[in-house]
Structures are given as C-alpha cells and as structure tokens.
Amino acid sequence: MPLEQHSDPFEERLSAGLRDAAGCFETDRAALVTAGAVRGRRRLLLRRRAAVAGGAAGIALVGVGGALLLPAGDGSSREGRGDRSSVAAATHASASASAPASTTPVSGDALIRTLEKLLPDGRFSGAEARGTDEKPGPYAHVVFDDGKGAAAVGVSLGRVEPGSEEAKQVTECPGKAYAHYDACRTSRLADGSVVMVLQGYEYPDRRVDTKWWNAELVTPRGHHVSVSEWNAAAEKDAPVTRPQPPLSPAQLRKLAAATAWRDAIDTIPAEPDRPTADPTGAAPTVSEPVAAVPVAPTLKSLLPKGLTVLEDSGRDSGFGYVVADDGKGRSLVQVNVQGGMQDVAGELFGADAETLSDGTRVAVQQGPGEKGGAGVVMWTVDTLRTDGTRVVISAFNSGAQDTAATRKTPALSIGQLRAIALSPKWLL
C-alpha cells in the first residue's frame, strides 16, 4: 500500500524560500507580491539561502538507467529488494500490455521502490511518497544508509512548459548575491536535457553543518526532476551523520537523468489550461506573453557613472538585481516591477506617502537589513503609477543581505534610487 505522506521536504523548502522573499519588501507588503513575480523568482527563492561545500563521496551509482518499477498490487511486500524488483518487473510487463504507460498513475509505493532500486546498495527506512495522481504532486523520500551514515534522499517530479522562462530559471545556477556557494554547474545532456547540480548547506548561516546537495533537470519535453540529498537523516532538526551526502555530484546528475522519472511524469494528469508537450519534443503553440522589461539591463542603464557592476541577474523580468562597487565596497541593488497593483494602493501606501503631480505614489524607507548581515542597512523607494505599474528599488551597504556590511551606506542615495524607480524606462 502507498505510504501516507507526513512531510514533503520540497514543499517546505519552497515555503521557506517564499518566506525569505519578504526581505525584498516590508513584512506587510510581502503578501501583496503578485503570483507572476513569485513564479519568475521560483528558482532563486528555492536556493537563495544555500551555500556550497566542496568534496564528493566516492560511491558507485548502479542501475541509474533502469526502467520504472510499477505497482506490484495490493498484496505486494516491501521486504527485500530482490523480491520487489522481480514482482515490479512482471507487473510492468502486464501493465504495458493492458494500458499505455502515460495513462496509468504510478503509486507512491512504486516511486519509493524505483528510488531504492536506483540508489547504491544499502539499508532503507523512513520511506514517504505521493503518487502521480495525488495533489499537489508526486515525490519519494527515503533515509538511505550505505554503511557510512544515514542520509535523507528525495525526488520530486513535475512539468514545466518547454522553452519557458521557468524551464530556464530552474536549471540556472543562482546568483551569489542570494546563494553563497563555491561550485555550481549547469550542463546539457546528449538528449538535450539541461541539468544543474548545486552543493549547498541547509542553513546559510551554518548554525548547523547540514549539507544539502541538489540536482534540477528539465528535458526538451518539459519533464522536471528535482533530486535532493543531505548528510543527515532529515533535512532539518537531525544530527549530521556523515561528512558528505552519499552521492557525488556526478551520481546525483545521473540519478536525476534516469528515464524512470520521465515515465512517471508522463502519467501525471494534465492540468486544465496548461500547455502540454508535443510527443516530438517540440515546444507547444501558445499565445505570446505580453512583453516585459528586462530588469537588470534596465537597471544598469540607469545607474550613475562611477559604478562598476560586478554581478547581475541576467535578463529576467519582474525581478532583477546588480551588485555594484564605486570603489568604496560592494552594494546590492534590487528591483521588483509589477503590474495591475492599483487596486491595492491603499494597502501599500500610507498617509505619509508622497503623491506626485501625475498621480504617482512614492514611499521611502530606511532601516536595518532583515537577513542577519552585521551592520547591513536597507534603503527602499516604492512607487506606484496610476496605470498600476509598481516599481520597488532597494539598495544595501553589502554585496548580499546576509553578509556583513562592506561600507557605511549603500552605493546609491535615496535621491538616486528615487530617480531610477521613476524612470519611464520601466513603462512599456
């Protein structure tokens, strides 16, 4: 029988990331961030607290290319890997003959068996899972011990639109302004799939030395496989059991690339109104989204002379940042651009907000940073135009919110932040 799910580490990580997003706004303003801005920053939020460790475990990964182990029936036993494999293989053959694999849901129990089959030899416990026909989505999680210490290992499955911004972002290494790491690599596989492997820590401040290593893979057809492992029996609130997670970065990449996960994703029911991938791998035909301003390039074009940009977030719309230096130390500058916000103007701007002659609302805030960096201050200018376009710009006196101040004040004055936020370049 499928095991009941008590705690989904992937949902918890996303929730934690969304809570961290509040650092870009006041606490009461964070709840008003639009769904589009949150979606566009999903990958960033998932990893913004990560810091990467070096090193790799030297364990040989076997059976990664194996077939998906389908359910063995209500009377199946989960005792002994050999028995499970043979029973599942027979069931797979029967299911293939009776119904297309893409229409038969895969149970959580089958996903657990598949994960255990694809991992090296060892002992398994603490299995939890959710099948491909269960909401909010399928995943499998086990505690794996190869004799060198118990380690949590989990796989989460889903779809993204092929060729979309989300598909691109999920496999990009995060900017170091938000995720402190020493190594992160994105590579393309022979079949066109793109996979990112990041080695990080569960806690950015290293208050507990729990390591979190993660692989994110997206195929040309939009299959999305996320694999995580830790050097502890749980991602949080568990003692470290080994120096490194059990799989090396190369092994983690191979586990994410196993075709078994793609077979399972093919059985996830299609969401209403969501484009589906063409069987040939071609991107679906969808209406073109409304053009959006690329934030970082626009921000760079508005910076005053004398600032050198050391890092930027690329061409993403909705949210972007630069790390700049005027010779006095690094300074993080970030911008959020949102549309359709006129209906919540009263909640965003209080009686002390300024109203310009054209009706634009402007609010200014200066205060301490919110991410724990010693001596960090945050200066923010929030603007809302009459057409509902909201531009919020914040600057810090550090290259990252959670590292110590590198200078006394941000590299941009309140006047300069105001001029950037009110620039017509943000309007389409």
Protein backbone atom coordinates (compact mmCIF):
# COMPACT_ATOMS: atom_id res chain seq x y z
CA MET A 1 0.00 0.00 0.00
CA PRO A 2 1.26 3.55 -0.64
CA LEU A 3 2.73 5.14 2.43
CA GLU A 4 0.97 8.14 3.91
CA GLN A 5 2.83 11.41 3.42
CA HIS A 6 3.54 13.39 6.58
CA SER A 7 6.14 15.92 5.47
CA ASP A 8 7.17 16.98 1.98
CA PRO A 9 10.69 18.49 2.15
CA PHE A 10 10.32 20.05 -1.29
CA GLU A 11 7.18 21.95 -0.30
CA GLU A 12 8.87 23.02 2.93
CA ARG A 13 11.88 24.35 1.01
CA LEU A 14 9.63 26.33 -1.34
CA SER A 15 7.66 27.70 1.62
CA ALA A 16 10.89 28.75 3.31
CA GLY A 17 12.01 30.44 0.12
CA LEU A 18 8.76 32.34 -0.18
CA ARG A 19 9.11 33.49 3.41
CA ASP A 20 12.61 34.71 2.57
CA ALA A 21 11.15 36.75 -0.30
CA ALA A 22 9.75 39.13 2.28
CA GLY A 23 13.25 40.56 2.58
CA CYS A 24 12.60 42.48 -0.63
CA PHE A 25 9.63 44.31 0.94
CA GLU A 26 8.24 45.29 4.29
CA THR A 27 6.57 42.42 6.09
CA ASP A 28 3.06 43.69 5.30
CA ARG A 29 3.99 44.39 1.69
CA ALA A 30 5.36 40.92 1.02
CA ALA A 31 1.90 39.37 0.94
CA LEU A 32 0.99 41.63 -1.96
CA VAL A 33 3.66 40.35 -4.32
CA THR A 34 1.90 39.11 -7.42
CA ALA A 35 1.88 35.47 -8.43
CA GLY A 36 3.79 36.30 -11.59
CA ALA A 37 6.67 37.83 -9.68
CA VAL A 38 6.82 34.86 -7.32
CA ARG A 39 6.79 32.36 -10.20
CA GLY A 40 9.52 34.24 -12.04
CA ARG A 41 11.72 34.09 -8.96
CA ARG A 42 10.92 30.48 -8.01
CA ARG A 43 14.37 29.07 -8.66
CA LEU A 44 16.05 31.98 -6.92
CA LEU A 45 13.86 31.63 -3.85
CA LEU A 46 14.46 27.90 -3.60
CA ARG A 47 18.19 28.45 -3.29
CA ARG A 48 18.80 31.93 -2.02
CA ARG A 49 19.83 30.61 1.42
CA ALA A 50 22.19 27.94 0.07
CA ALA A 51 25.97 27.98 0.48
CA VAL A 52 28.02 25.36 -1.28
CA ALA A 53 30.58 22.93 0.10
CA GLY A 54 33.26 21.18 -1.90
CA GLY A 55 34.11 17.50 -1.98
CA ALA A 56 32.23 14.41 -3.10
CA ALA A 57 31.51 10.94 -1.87
CA GLY A 58 33.17 8.11 -3.77
CA ILE A 59 30.22 5.76 -4.06
CA ALA A 60 29.46 3.93 -7.31
CA LEU A 61 25.91 4.51 -8.52
CA VAL A 62 24.37 1.44 -10.13
CA GLY A 63 21.25 0.84 -12.17
CA VAL A 64 20.55 4.50 -12.94
CA GLY A 65 19.24 3.76 -16.42
CA GLY A 66 16.73 1.18 -15.15
CA ALA A 67 13.06 1.05 -16.00
CA LEU A 68 10.34 2.40 -13.75
CA LEU A 69 9.13 -0.10 -11.16
CA LEU A 70 5.35 -0.05 -11.36
CA PRO A 71 2.97 -1.10 -8.54
CA ALA A 72 3.10 -4.75 -7.55
CA GLY A 73 -0.52 -4.95 -6.39
CA ASP A 74 -2.24 -4.59 -3.04
CA GLY A 75 -0.62 -7.73 -1.66
CA SER A 76 2.95 -6.77 -2.57
CA SER A 77 5.64 -6.95 0.09
CA ARG A 78 8.29 -4.29 0.62
CA GLU A 79 10.68 -6.72 2.30
CA GLY A 80 13.79 -7.44 0.28
CA ARG A 81 14.95 -5.52 -2.76
CA GLY A 82 15.28 -8.60 -4.94
CA ASP A 83 11.65 -9.67 -4.44
CA ARG A 84 10.35 -6.16 -5.10
CA SER A 85 12.35 -5.88 -8.30
CA SER A 86 11.12 -9.14 -9.80
CA VAL A 87 7.49 -8.57 -8.86
CA ALA A 88 7.56 -4.99 -10.13
CA ALA A 89 9.15 -6.05 -13.41
CA ALA A 90 6.39 -8.59 -14.02
CA THR A 91 3.73 -6.01 -13.17
CA HIS A 92 5.38 -3.52 -15.52
CA ALA A 93 5.13 -6.00 -18.39
CA SER A 94 1.47 -6.69 -17.61
CA ALA A 95 0.59 -3.01 -17.32
CA SER A 96 2.35 -2.21 -20.58
CA ALA A 97 0.28 -4.81 -22.40
CA SER A 98 -3.04 -3.65 -20.96
CA ALA A 99 -2.80 0.15 -20.99
CA PRO A 100 -0.50 2.95 -22.18
CA ALA A 101 2.03 3.89 -19.51
CA SER A 102 1.08 7.55 -19.88
CA THR A 103 -2.48 6.88 -18.64
CA THR A 104 -1.77 4.60 -15.67
CA PRO A 105 -0.92 6.53 -12.48
CA VAL A 106 2.20 5.48 -10.60
CA SER A 107 1.67 5.00 -6.88
CA GLY A 108 3.85 6.49 -4.19
CA ASP A 109 4.93 2.98 -3.22
CA ALA A 110 6.16 2.37 -6.77
CA LEU A 111 8.14 5.62 -6.72
CA ILE A 112 9.80 4.53 -3.47
CA ARG A 113 10.75 1.17 -4.99
CA THR A 114 12.18 2.95 -8.03
CA LEU A 115 14.26 5.31 -5.91
CA GLU A 116 15.63 2.45 -3.83
CA LYS A 117 16.45 0.47 -6.98
CA LEU A 118 18.37 3.38 -8.47
CA LEU A 119 20.44 4.04 -5.34
CA PRO A 120 23.56 2.04 -4.41
CA ASP A 121 23.28 -0.96 -2.09
CA GLY A 122 22.37 -0.06 1.45
CA ARG A 123 19.63 -0.02 4.06
CA PHE A 124 16.43 1.99 3.66
CA SER A 125 13.98 3.40 6.19
CA GLY A 126 11.62 6.31 6.71
CA ALA A 127 10.03 5.97 3.26
CA GLU A 128 7.38 8.54 2.35
CA ALA A 129 5.83 9.28 -1.03
CA ARG A 130 2.92 10.61 -3.04
CA GLY A 131 1.77 9.09 -6.35
CA THR A 132 1.49 10.79 -9.72
CA ASP A 133 -2.28 11.23 -9.40
CA GLU A 134 -2.07 12.86 -5.95
CA LYS A 135 -2.00 16.57 -5.20
CA PRO A 136 -0.03 18.75 -5.03
CA GLY A 137 2.37 16.47 -6.92
CA PRO A 138 4.45 13.28 -6.80
CA TYR A 139 7.58 12.76 -4.75
CA ALA A 140 9.51 9.99 -2.98
CA HIS A 141 11.71 10.30 0.09
CA VAL A 142 13.84 7.70 1.89
CA VAL A 143 16.54 7.55 4.52
CA PHE A 144 19.48 5.74 2.91
CA ASP A 145 22.46 4.24 4.75
CA ASP A 146 25.35 2.76 2.77
CA GLY A 147 27.23 1.94 5.96
CA LYS A 148 28.76 5.41 6.23
CA GLY A 149 25.83 7.12 7.92
CA ALA A 150 22.11 7.65 7.38
CA ALA A 151 21.18 10.28 4.79
CA ALA A 152 17.87 11.68 3.55
CA VAL A 153 17.35 11.41 -0.21
CA GLY A 154 14.32 12.72 -2.06
CA VAL A 155 12.97 13.06 -5.60
CA SER A 156 10.22 15.46 -6.68
CA LEU A 157 8.56 15.24 -10.12
CA GLY A 158 6.61 17.71 -12.22
CA ARG A 159 6.29 19.51 -15.53
CA VAL A 160 7.35 22.88 -16.86
CA GLU A 161 6.47 24.45 -20.18
CA PRO A 162 9.27 23.61 -22.65
CA GLY A 163 11.27 26.68 -23.61
CA SER A 164 9.63 28.83 -20.94
CA GLU A 165 11.32 31.24 -18.58
CA GLU A 166 10.54 28.87 -15.71
CA ALA A 167 12.27 25.99 -17.52
CA LYS A 168 15.33 28.18 -17.99
CA GLN A 169 15.43 29.52 -14.45
CA VAL A 170 15.10 26.18 -12.70
CA THR A 171 18.38 24.95 -14.22
CA GLU A 172 20.41 28.14 -13.82
CA CYS A 173 22.94 28.47 -11.02
CA PRO A 174 21.68 31.14 -8.61
CA GLY A 175 23.36 34.50 -8.26
CA LYS A 176 25.90 34.67 -5.47
CA ALA A 177 24.17 37.72 -4.04
CA TYR A 178 21.45 35.37 -2.82
CA ALA A 179 23.12 31.97 -2.59
CA HIS A 180 26.66 31.72 -1.27
CA TYR A 181 28.38 28.77 -2.90
CA ASP A 182 31.75 27.66 -4.17
CA ALA A 183 30.62 25.43 -7.04
CA CYS A 184 27.52 25.06 -9.17
CA ARG A 185 27.40 23.62 -12.66
CA THR A 186 24.77 23.53 -15.40
CA SER A 187 25.31 21.09 -18.25
CA ARG A 188 23.42 19.76 -21.27
CA LEU A 189 22.96 16.02 -21.75
CA ALA A 190 23.10 14.17 -25.08
CA ASP A 191 19.28 14.07 -25.32
CA GLY A 192 19.05 17.85 -24.94
CA SER A 193 18.07 17.82 -21.27
CA VAL A 194 19.60 20.53 -19.08
CA VAL A 195 20.67 19.73 -15.52
CA MET A 196 22.03 21.90 -12.73
CA VAL A 197 23.88 20.44 -9.73
CA LEU A 198 24.43 22.61 -6.67
CA GLN A 199 26.23 21.69 -3.45
CA GLY A 200 24.99 23.73 -0.53
CA TYR A 201 24.02 23.90 3.10
CA GLU A 202 20.58 23.61 4.65
CA TYR A 203 21.25 26.72 6.75
CA PRO A 204 23.04 29.69 5.17
CA ASP A 205 24.47 30.83 8.50
CA ARG A 206 25.94 27.35 9.10
CA ARG A 207 24.48 27.22 12.61
CA VAL A 208 24.14 23.51 11.86
CA ASP A 209 26.57 21.91 9.43
CA THR A 210 23.87 20.04 7.47
CA LYS A 211 24.78 19.86 3.79
CA TRP A 212 22.15 20.00 1.05
CA TRP A 213 23.07 18.91 -2.48
CA ASN A 214 20.53 19.35 -5.25
CA ALA A 215 20.09 18.45 -8.93
CA GLU A 216 17.44 20.08 -11.14
CA LEU A 217 16.81 18.52 -14.56
CA VAL A 218 14.47 19.69 -17.34
CA THR A 219 14.00 17.72 -20.57
CA PRO A 220 13.11 19.15 -24.01
CA ARG A 221 9.56 17.85 -23.44
CA GLY A 222 9.18 19.64 -20.12
CA HIS A 223 9.81 16.83 -17.63
CA HIS A 224 11.14 18.37 -14.40
CA VAL A 225 13.06 16.17 -11.95
CA SER A 226 14.38 17.58 -8.68
CA VAL A 227 16.69 15.42 -6.53
CA SER A 228 18.00 16.42 -3.10
CA GLU A 229 20.25 14.70 -0.59
CA TRP A 230 21.61 15.59 2.84
CA ASN A 231 24.37 14.36 5.15
CA ALA A 232 21.79 13.76 7.87
CA ALA A 233 18.75 11.53 8.26
CA ALA A 234 16.46 14.55 7.81
CA GLU A 235 16.82 17.90 6.11
CA LYS A 236 16.22 19.76 9.39
CA ASP A 237 16.44 19.06 13.12
CA ALA A 238 18.60 15.94 12.76
CA PRO A 239 22.28 15.46 13.69
CA VAL A 240 24.90 15.26 10.96
CA THR A 241 25.75 11.59 10.36
CA ARG A 242 28.50 11.77 7.72
CA PRO A 243 30.93 14.32 6.22
CA GLN A 244 29.16 14.46 2.82
CA PRO A 245 25.81 13.37 1.36
CA PRO A 246 26.04 9.83 -0.09
CA LEU A 247 26.02 10.65 -3.83
CA SER A 248 28.71 12.64 -5.60
CA PRO A 249 27.63 15.48 -7.93
CA ALA A 250 28.09 13.19 -10.95
CA GLN A 251 25.98 10.46 -9.33
CA LEU A 252 23.33 12.99 -8.38
CA ARG A 253 23.20 14.14 -12.00
CA LYS A 254 22.78 10.55 -13.24
CA LEU A 255 20.03 9.85 -10.73
CA ALA A 256 18.09 12.90 -11.92
CA ALA A 257 18.53 11.77 -15.54
CA ALA A 258 17.09 8.27 -15.03
CA THR A 259 14.37 7.61 -17.61
CA ALA A 260 12.19 6.05 -14.91
CA TRP A 261 11.30 9.52 -13.61
CA ARG A 262 10.24 10.70 -17.06
CA ASP A 263 7.98 7.66 -17.42
CA ALA A 264 6.36 8.58 -14.12
CA ILE A 265 5.92 12.23 -15.09
CA ASP A 266 4.11 11.13 -18.25
CA THR A 267 1.37 9.68 -16.02
CA ILE A 268 0.71 12.93 -14.13
CA PRO A 269 -2.77 14.16 -15.16
CA ALA A 270 -2.60 17.25 -17.34
CA GLU A 271 -3.59 20.47 -15.62
CA PRO A 272 -6.54 22.34 -17.15
CA ASP A 273 -5.47 25.16 -19.48
CA ARG A 274 -1.79 24.19 -19.15
CA PRO A 275 0.04 23.62 -22.47
CA THR A 276 1.30 20.06 -22.90
CA ALA A 277 4.47 18.96 -24.63
CA ASP A 278 4.38 17.70 -28.19
CA PRO A 279 5.41 14.00 -28.39
CA THR A 280 8.19 15.01 -30.80
CA GLY A 281 9.72 17.26 -28.16
CA ALA A 282 8.72 20.49 -29.91
CA ALA A 283 7.51 23.34 -27.75
CA PRO A 284 3.71 23.75 -27.65
CA THR A 285 2.00 26.52 -29.54
CA VAL A 286 0.86 29.15 -27.07
CA SER A 287 -0.05 32.79 -27.29
CA GLU A 288 2.89 35.12 -26.83
CA PRO A 289 3.08 36.71 -23.37
CA VAL A 290 2.96 40.46 -23.05
CA ALA A 291 6.43 41.91 -23.49
CA ALA A 292 8.18 42.74 -20.22
CA VAL A 293 11.11 44.95 -19.34
CA PRO A 294 14.33 43.01 -18.57
CA VAL A 295 15.09 44.31 -15.09
CA ALA A 296 18.87 44.03 -14.68
CA PRO A 297 19.77 45.54 -18.10
CA THR A 298 17.34 48.41 -17.49
CA LEU A 299 18.72 48.96 -14.00
CA LYS A 300 22.29 49.02 -15.32
CA SER A 301 21.35 51.62 -17.93
CA LEU A 302 20.02 53.88 -15.15
CA LEU A 303 22.96 53.63 -12.75
CA PRO A 304 25.03 56.80 -12.28
CA LYS A 305 28.54 56.97 -13.64
CA GLY A 306 31.33 55.72 -11.43
CA LEU A 307 29.69 52.41 -10.51
CA THR A 308 31.18 49.14 -11.72
CA VAL A 309 28.70 46.25 -12.00
CA LEU A 310 30.29 43.07 -10.63
CA GLU A 311 27.27 40.76 -10.91
CA ASP A 312 23.75 40.88 -12.32
CA SER A 313 20.70 38.63 -12.58
CA GLY A 314 20.50 38.41 -16.38
CA ARG A 315 17.51 39.34 -18.50
CA ASP A 316 14.69 38.20 -16.20
CA SER A 317 11.59 40.36 -15.97
CA GLY A 318 9.69 41.08 -12.77
CA PHE A 319 12.72 40.91 -10.51
CA GLY A 320 16.39 41.65 -11.01
CA TYR A 321 19.49 42.88 -9.25
CA VAL A 322 23.04 44.09 -9.65
CA VAL A 323 26.00 44.10 -7.30
CA ALA A 324 27.90 47.33 -7.90
CA ASP A 325 31.02 48.97 -6.49
CA ASP A 326 32.04 52.63 -6.66
CA GLY A 327 35.44 51.91 -5.16
CA LYS A 328 34.12 52.03 -1.59
CA GLY A 329 32.77 48.48 -1.34
CA ARG A 330 30.12 46.20 -2.79
CA SER A 331 26.47 47.24 -2.78
CA LEU A 332 23.48 45.09 -3.73
CA VAL A 333 20.70 46.88 -5.62
CA GLN A 334 17.48 45.01 -6.43
CA VAL A 335 14.31 45.97 -8.30
CA ASN A 336 10.80 44.49 -8.41
CA VAL A 337 8.46 45.50 -11.26
CA GLN A 338 4.77 44.58 -11.05
CA GLY A 339 1.63 45.44 -12.98
CA GLY A 340 -2.02 45.75 -12.03
CA MET A 341 -1.36 46.98 -8.50
CA GLN A 342 -3.71 50.00 -8.49
CA ASP A 343 -6.40 48.10 -6.57
CA VAL A 344 -4.15 47.71 -3.52
CA ALA A 345 -2.69 51.21 -3.46
CA GLY A 346 -4.36 51.92 -0.14
CA GLU A 347 -2.67 48.92 1.45
CA LEU A 348 0.75 49.71 0.01
CA PHE A 349 0.95 53.44 0.69
CA GLY A 350 0.05 55.15 3.94
CA ALA A 351 -0.86 58.74 4.73
CA ASP A 352 2.81 59.74 4.79
CA ALA A 353 3.36 58.68 1.16
CA GLU A 354 4.02 61.40 -1.42
CA THR A 355 1.71 61.90 -4.42
CA LEU A 356 3.31 63.49 -7.48
CA SER A 357 1.54 65.81 -9.91
CA ASP A 358 0.87 62.94 -12.32
CA GLY A 359 -0.71 60.84 -9.55
CA THR A 360 2.30 58.57 -8.92
CA ARG A 361 2.61 57.46 -5.28
CA VAL A 362 6.07 57.38 -3.67
CA ALA A 363 7.13 55.92 -0.31
CA VAL A 364 10.65 55.94 1.15
CA GLN A 365 12.05 53.71 3.88
CA GLN A 366 15.44 53.48 5.54
CA GLY A 367 16.20 50.86 8.14
CA PRO A 368 18.28 47.84 9.11
CA GLY A 369 18.61 44.83 6.84
CA GLU A 370 16.42 41.82 7.51
CA LYS A 371 18.71 38.89 6.67
CA GLY A 372 21.15 38.99 9.56
CA GLY A 373 24.17 40.60 7.92
CA ALA A 374 26.13 42.52 10.56
CA GLY A 375 25.65 46.27 10.15
CA VAL A 376 23.59 45.95 6.96
CA VAL A 377 21.11 48.73 6.15
CA MET A 378 18.34 48.70 3.55
CA TRP A 379 17.14 51.80 1.70
CA THR A 380 13.94 51.43 -0.33
CA VAL A 381 11.90 53.61 -2.67
CA ASP A 382 8.46 52.21 -3.57
CA THR A 383 6.50 53.77 -6.44
CA LEU A 384 3.05 53.15 -7.92
CA ARG A 385 1.88 54.79 -11.12
CA THR A 386 -1.74 55.46 -11.98
CA ASP A 387 -1.78 52.62 -14.54
CA GLY A 388 -0.96 50.14 -11.75
CA THR A 389 2.75 49.73 -12.53
CA ARG A 390 4.70 49.33 -9.31
CA VAL A 391 8.49 49.70 -9.20
CA VAL A 392 10.30 48.99 -5.92
CA ILE A 393 14.05 49.51 -5.64
CA SER A 394 16.19 48.65 -2.62
CA ALA A 395 19.90 49.15 -2.03
CA PHE A 396 22.15 47.69 0.66
CA ASN A 397 25.57 48.54 2.06
CA SER A 398 26.75 44.99 1.36
CA GLY A 399 27.05 42.72 -1.66
CA ALA A 400 24.46 40.38 -0.09
CA GLN A 401 21.79 40.80 2.54
CA ASP A 402 23.14 38.11 4.86
CA THR A 403 26.82 39.09 4.83
CA ALA A 404 28.48 41.83 6.87
CA ALA A 405 28.38 45.43 5.69
CA THR A 406 31.15 46.37 3.27
CA ARG A 407 30.55 50.12 3.51
CA LYS A 408 28.76 52.66 5.71
CA THR A 409 25.82 53.34 3.36
CA PRO A 410 24.52 51.88 0.07
CA ALA A 411 26.22 52.98 -3.14
CA LEU A 412 23.06 54.85 -4.23
CA SER A 413 21.48 57.74 -2.37
CA ILE A 414 17.74 57.99 -1.75
CA GLY A 415 17.58 60.62 -4.49
CA GLN A 416 19.29 58.31 -6.97
CA LEU A 417 17.03 55.39 -6.01
CA ARG A 418 14.01 57.63 -6.49
CA ALA A 419 15.18 58.76 -9.94
CA ILE A 420 15.71 55.15 -11.04
CA ALA A 421 12.31 53.97 -9.78
CA LEU A 422 10.52 56.87 -11.51
CA SER A 423 12.29 56.41 -14.84
CA PRO A 424 9.95 55.97 -17.85
CA LYS A 425 12.16 53.05 -18.97
CA TRP A 426 10.13 50.74 -16.71
CA LEU A 427 6.97 51.50 -18.70
CA LEU A 428 6.21 49.52 -21.86
